[in-house]
Amino acid sequence: MNAILPWAIDFALLCFSLAMICAVLRLLRGPTAQDRVLALDTLYVNGMLTVLVLGIRLGSPVYFDIALLIAMFGFVGSAAMSKFLLRGEVIEP
């Protein structure tokens, strides 16, 4: 069972890297701003998952704290971007 884990981790890192490349392409070439926001959401989720898989691979708990920070900042950023696209301002008077 332990012989499969390094292969699975490498495969997961490869899949997340390919997903991040696809998200960056959509971020750069997205026809609308909503597509770009969704690509940014996908990018930060895949980045967070990549950090989590690296934390499992290296056995360090620091990576899990970093992934939590990425998740929190990504959520706040995507909420602010969607509110800006919806209403034209982030902070309402």
N, C-alpha and C. Protein backbone atom coordinates (compact mmCIF):
# COMPACT_ATOMS: atom_id res chain seq x y z
N MET A 1 0.83 -1.20 0.00
CA MET A 1 0.00 0.00 0.00
C MET A 1 0.87 1.26 0.00
N ASN A 2 1.96 1.26 0.72
CA ASN A 2 2.81 2.45 0.76
C ASN A 2 3.55 2.67 -0.54
N ALA A 3 3.69 1.65 -1.37
CA ALA A 3 4.38 1.83 -2.65
C ALA A 3 3.52 2.61 -3.64
N ILE A 4 2.23 2.63 -3.44
CA ILE A 4 1.33 3.34 -4.36
C ILE A 4 1.27 4.83 -4.03
N LEU A 5 1.48 5.21 -2.79
CA LEU A 5 1.31 6.60 -2.37
C LEU A 5 2.22 7.58 -3.11
N PRO A 6 3.51 7.32 -3.28
CA PRO A 6 4.32 8.29 -4.06
C PRO A 6 3.86 8.45 -5.50
N TRP A 7 3.42 7.36 -6.12
CA TRP A 7 2.91 7.45 -7.48
C TRP A 7 1.62 8.26 -7.53
N ALA A 8 0.76 8.06 -6.56
CA ALA A 8 -0.50 8.80 -6.52
C ALA A 8 -0.25 10.29 -6.27
N ILE A 9 0.72 10.60 -5.43
CA ILE A 9 1.04 12.01 -5.17
C ILE A 9 1.60 12.67 -6.42
N ASP A 10 2.49 11.98 -7.12
CA ASP A 10 3.04 12.54 -8.36
C ASP A 10 1.95 12.72 -9.41
N PHE A 11 1.04 11.77 -9.51
CA PHE A 11 -0.06 11.88 -10.47
C PHE A 11 -0.98 13.05 -10.10
N ALA A 12 -1.26 13.21 -8.82
CA ALA A 12 -2.12 14.32 -8.38
C ALA A 12 -1.45 15.67 -8.67
N LEU A 13 -0.15 15.76 -8.43
CA LEU A 13 0.56 17.01 -8.73
C LEU A 13 0.53 17.31 -10.22
N LEU A 14 0.67 16.29 -11.04
CA LEU A 14 0.61 16.48 -12.48
C LEU A 14 -0.78 16.96 -12.91
N CYS A 15 -1.82 16.34 -12.36
CA CYS A 15 -3.19 16.73 -12.70
C CYS A 15 -3.49 18.16 -12.26
N PHE A 16 -3.05 18.53 -11.06
CA PHE A 16 -3.29 19.89 -10.59
C PHE A 16 -2.50 20.90 -11.40
N SER A 17 -1.30 20.53 -11.84
CA SER A 17 -0.51 21.44 -12.67
C SER A 17 -1.17 21.66 -14.02
N LEU A 18 -1.69 20.60 -14.62
CA LEU A 18 -2.41 20.74 -15.89
C LEU A 18 -3.67 21.58 -15.73
N ALA A 19 -4.37 21.40 -14.62
CA ALA A 19 -5.57 22.19 -14.36
C ALA A 19 -5.22 23.67 -14.16
N MET A 20 -4.09 23.93 -13.52
CA MET A 20 -3.67 25.32 -13.33
C MET A 20 -3.28 25.96 -14.66
N ILE A 21 -2.67 25.19 -15.55
CA ILE A 21 -2.32 25.72 -16.87
C ILE A 21 -3.59 26.06 -17.65
N CYS A 22 -4.59 25.19 -17.59
CA CYS A 22 -5.87 25.45 -18.27
C CYS A 22 -6.56 26.68 -17.68
N ALA A 23 -6.48 26.84 -16.36
CA ALA A 23 -7.10 28.00 -15.72
C ALA A 23 -6.39 29.29 -16.11
N VAL A 24 -5.06 29.25 -16.22
CA VAL A 24 -4.32 30.44 -16.63
C VAL A 24 -4.67 30.81 -18.07
N LEU A 25 -4.81 29.82 -18.93
CA LEU A 25 -5.23 30.11 -20.30
C LEU A 25 -6.61 30.76 -20.35
N ARG A 26 -7.54 30.27 -19.55
CA ARG A 26 -8.88 30.86 -19.51
C ARG A 26 -8.83 32.25 -18.89
N LEU A 27 -7.93 32.44 -17.93
CA LEU A 27 -7.78 33.75 -17.30
C LEU A 27 -7.27 34.78 -18.31
N LEU A 28 -6.37 34.37 -19.17
CA LEU A 28 -5.81 35.29 -20.15
C LEU A 28 -6.71 35.49 -21.36
N ARG A 29 -7.42 34.45 -21.79
CA ARG A 29 -8.19 34.51 -23.02
C ARG A 29 -9.70 34.54 -22.80
N GLY A 30 -10.16 34.63 -21.56
CA GLY A 30 -11.59 34.58 -21.29
C GLY A 30 -12.34 35.69 -22.01
N PRO A 31 -13.44 35.34 -22.65
CA PRO A 31 -14.15 36.39 -23.40
C PRO A 31 -14.84 37.41 -22.50
N THR A 32 -15.27 37.01 -21.31
CA THR A 32 -15.95 37.96 -20.43
C THR A 32 -15.23 38.02 -19.09
N ALA A 33 -15.58 39.03 -18.32
CA ALA A 33 -14.97 39.19 -17.00
C ALA A 33 -15.41 38.07 -16.05
N GLN A 34 -16.63 37.58 -16.22
CA GLN A 34 -17.11 36.49 -15.37
C GLN A 34 -16.29 35.22 -15.59
N ASP A 35 -15.90 34.96 -16.84
CA ASP A 35 -15.05 33.81 -17.12
C ASP A 35 -13.69 33.96 -16.44
N ARG A 36 -13.20 35.17 -16.41
CA ARG A 36 -11.91 35.41 -15.77
C ARG A 36 -11.99 35.23 -14.25
N VAL A 37 -13.09 35.64 -13.66
CA VAL A 37 -13.27 35.44 -12.21
C VAL A 37 -13.36 33.96 -11.88
N LEU A 38 -14.09 33.20 -12.67
CA LEU A 38 -14.18 31.76 -12.45
C LEU A 38 -12.84 31.08 -12.65
N ALA A 39 -12.07 31.55 -13.62
CA ALA A 39 -10.73 30.99 -13.83
C ALA A 39 -9.82 31.31 -12.65
N LEU A 40 -9.97 32.49 -12.08
CA LEU A 40 -9.18 32.84 -10.90
C LEU A 40 -9.58 31.98 -9.70
N ASP A 41 -10.87 31.72 -9.54
CA ASP A 41 -11.31 30.81 -8.48
C ASP A 41 -10.73 29.42 -8.66
N THR A 42 -10.77 28.92 -9.89
CA THR A 42 -10.22 27.61 -10.18
C THR A 42 -8.72 27.59 -9.92
N LEU A 43 -8.05 28.67 -10.25
CA LEU A 43 -6.61 28.75 -10.06
C LEU A 43 -6.24 28.70 -8.58
N TYR A 44 -6.95 29.45 -7.74
CA TYR A 44 -6.57 29.43 -6.33
C TYR A 44 -6.95 28.11 -5.66
N VAL A 45 -8.04 27.47 -6.10
CA VAL A 45 -8.39 26.17 -5.53
C VAL A 45 -7.35 25.12 -5.91
N ASN A 46 -6.93 25.13 -7.17
CA ASN A 46 -5.90 24.18 -7.59
C ASN A 46 -4.56 24.47 -6.92
N GLY A 47 -4.25 25.73 -6.71
CA GLY A 47 -3.03 26.07 -5.97
C GLY A 47 -3.09 25.59 -4.54
N MET A 48 -4.24 25.74 -3.91
CA MET A 48 -4.41 25.27 -2.54
C MET A 48 -4.26 23.76 -2.46
N LEU A 49 -4.85 23.05 -3.42
CA LEU A 49 -4.75 21.59 -3.43
C LEU A 49 -3.33 21.13 -3.72
N THR A 50 -2.61 21.87 -4.55
CA THR A 50 -1.21 21.54 -4.81
C THR A 50 -0.38 21.69 -3.53
N VAL A 51 -0.62 22.74 -2.78
CA VAL A 51 0.10 22.93 -1.52
C VAL A 51 -0.25 21.83 -0.53
N LEU A 52 -1.52 21.40 -0.49
CA LEU A 52 -1.91 20.31 0.39
C LEU A 52 -1.22 18.99 0.02
N VAL A 53 -1.14 18.71 -1.27
CA VAL A 53 -0.47 17.48 -1.71
C VAL A 53 1.02 17.55 -1.41
N LEU A 54 1.63 18.71 -1.56
CA LEU A 54 3.03 18.84 -1.19
C LEU A 54 3.22 18.66 0.31
N GLY A 55 2.26 19.13 1.10
CA GLY A 55 2.33 18.92 2.54
C GLY A 55 2.26 17.45 2.91
N ILE A 56 1.44 16.69 2.19
CA ILE A 56 1.37 15.25 2.43
C ILE A 56 2.67 14.58 2.01
N ARG A 57 3.20 15.01 0.88
CA ARG A 57 4.43 14.40 0.37
C ARG A 57 5.62 14.65 1.28
N LEU A 58 5.75 15.88 1.77
CA LEU A 58 6.90 16.23 2.60
C LEU A 58 6.66 15.98 4.08
N GLY A 59 5.42 15.76 4.47
CA GLY A 59 5.10 15.46 5.86
C GLY A 59 5.27 16.63 6.81
N SER A 60 5.04 17.83 6.30
CA SER A 60 5.20 19.03 7.13
C SER A 60 3.83 19.68 7.36
N PRO A 61 3.49 19.98 8.61
CA PRO A 61 2.19 20.60 8.87
C PRO A 61 2.12 22.08 8.50
N VAL A 62 3.24 22.70 8.16
CA VAL A 62 3.25 24.11 7.79
C VAL A 62 2.45 24.33 6.50
N TYR A 63 2.52 23.37 5.59
CA TYR A 63 1.83 23.50 4.32
C TYR A 63 0.31 23.55 4.49
N PHE A 64 -0.20 22.92 5.51
CA PHE A 64 -1.64 22.94 5.74
C PHE A 64 -2.10 24.32 6.20
N ASP A 65 -1.28 25.00 6.99
CA ASP A 65 -1.60 26.37 7.38
C ASP A 65 -1.55 27.31 6.18
N ILE A 66 -0.59 27.10 5.30
CA ILE A 66 -0.48 27.91 4.09
C ILE A 66 -1.71 27.69 3.20
N ALA A 67 -2.15 26.45 3.09
CA ALA A 67 -3.34 26.16 2.28
C ALA A 67 -4.58 26.82 2.87
N LEU A 68 -4.67 26.87 4.18
CA LEU A 68 -5.81 27.55 4.82
C LEU A 68 -5.79 29.05 4.50
N LEU A 69 -4.62 29.66 4.52
CA LEU A 69 -4.51 31.07 4.18
C LEU A 69 -4.87 31.32 2.71
N ILE A 70 -4.43 30.43 1.83
CA ILE A 70 -4.78 30.57 0.41
C ILE A 70 -6.30 30.48 0.24
N ALA A 71 -6.94 29.57 0.95
CA ALA A 71 -8.39 29.41 0.84
C ALA A 71 -9.11 30.66 1.34
N MET A 72 -8.67 31.21 2.46
CA MET A 72 -9.34 32.40 3.01
C MET A 72 -9.17 33.61 2.10
N PHE A 73 -7.94 33.87 1.64
CA PHE A 73 -7.70 35.01 0.77
C PHE A 73 -8.39 34.84 -0.58
N GLY A 74 -8.42 33.62 -1.07
CA GLY A 74 -9.10 33.36 -2.34
C GLY A 74 -10.58 33.59 -2.26
N PHE A 75 -11.19 33.18 -1.16
CA PHE A 75 -12.63 33.40 -0.98
C PHE A 75 -12.94 34.89 -0.89
N VAL A 76 -12.17 35.62 -0.12
CA VAL A 76 -12.41 37.06 0.03
C VAL A 76 -12.19 37.77 -1.31
N GLY A 77 -11.16 37.36 -2.04
CA GLY A 77 -10.89 37.97 -3.34
C GLY A 77 -11.98 37.69 -4.36
N SER A 78 -12.46 36.46 -4.39
CA SER A 78 -13.51 36.14 -5.36
C SER A 78 -14.84 36.80 -4.98
N ALA A 79 -15.12 36.93 -3.69
CA ALA A 79 -16.33 37.63 -3.28
C ALA A 79 -16.25 39.11 -3.64
N ALA A 80 -15.08 39.71 -3.45
CA ALA A 80 -14.91 41.12 -3.80
C ALA A 80 -15.01 41.34 -5.30
N MET A 81 -14.40 40.44 -6.08
CA MET A 81 -14.47 40.58 -7.54
C MET A 81 -15.89 40.40 -8.07
N SER A 82 -16.62 39.44 -7.52
CA SER A 82 -17.99 39.24 -7.99
C SER A 82 -18.88 40.41 -7.60
N LYS A 83 -18.67 40.97 -6.41
CA LYS A 83 -19.45 42.14 -6.00
C LYS A 83 -19.11 43.34 -6.87
N PHE A 84 -17.84 43.47 -7.23
CA PHE A 84 -17.45 44.58 -8.10
C PHE A 84 -18.07 44.43 -9.48
N LEU A 85 -18.09 43.20 -10.01
CA LEU A 85 -18.69 43.00 -11.33
C LEU A 85 -20.20 43.17 -11.30
N LEU A 86 -20.80 42.89 -10.16
CA LEU A 86 -22.26 42.98 -10.05
C LEU A 86 -22.71 44.43 -9.88
N ARG A 87 -22.04 45.17 -8.99
CA ARG A 87 -22.50 46.52 -8.64
C ARG A 87 -21.58 47.64 -9.06
N GLY A 88 -20.34 47.35 -9.41
CA GLY A 88 -19.41 48.39 -9.83
C GLY A 88 -18.59 48.97 -8.70
N GLU A 89 -18.82 48.55 -7.47
CA GLU A 89 -18.03 48.99 -6.34
C GLU A 89 -17.95 47.88 -5.30
N VAL A 90 -16.87 47.86 -4.56
CA VAL A 90 -16.69 46.81 -3.56
C VAL A 90 -17.23 47.23 -2.22
N ILE A 91 -16.90 48.45 -1.80
CA ILE A 91 -17.36 48.96 -0.51
C ILE A 91 -18.49 49.94 -0.77
N GLU A 92 -19.64 49.61 -0.22
CA GLU A 92 -20.80 50.49 -0.43
C GLU A 92 -20.81 51.58 0.63
N PRO A 93 -21.19 52.79 0.24
CA PRO A 93 -21.23 53.91 1.20
C PRO A 93 -22.39 53.78 2.17
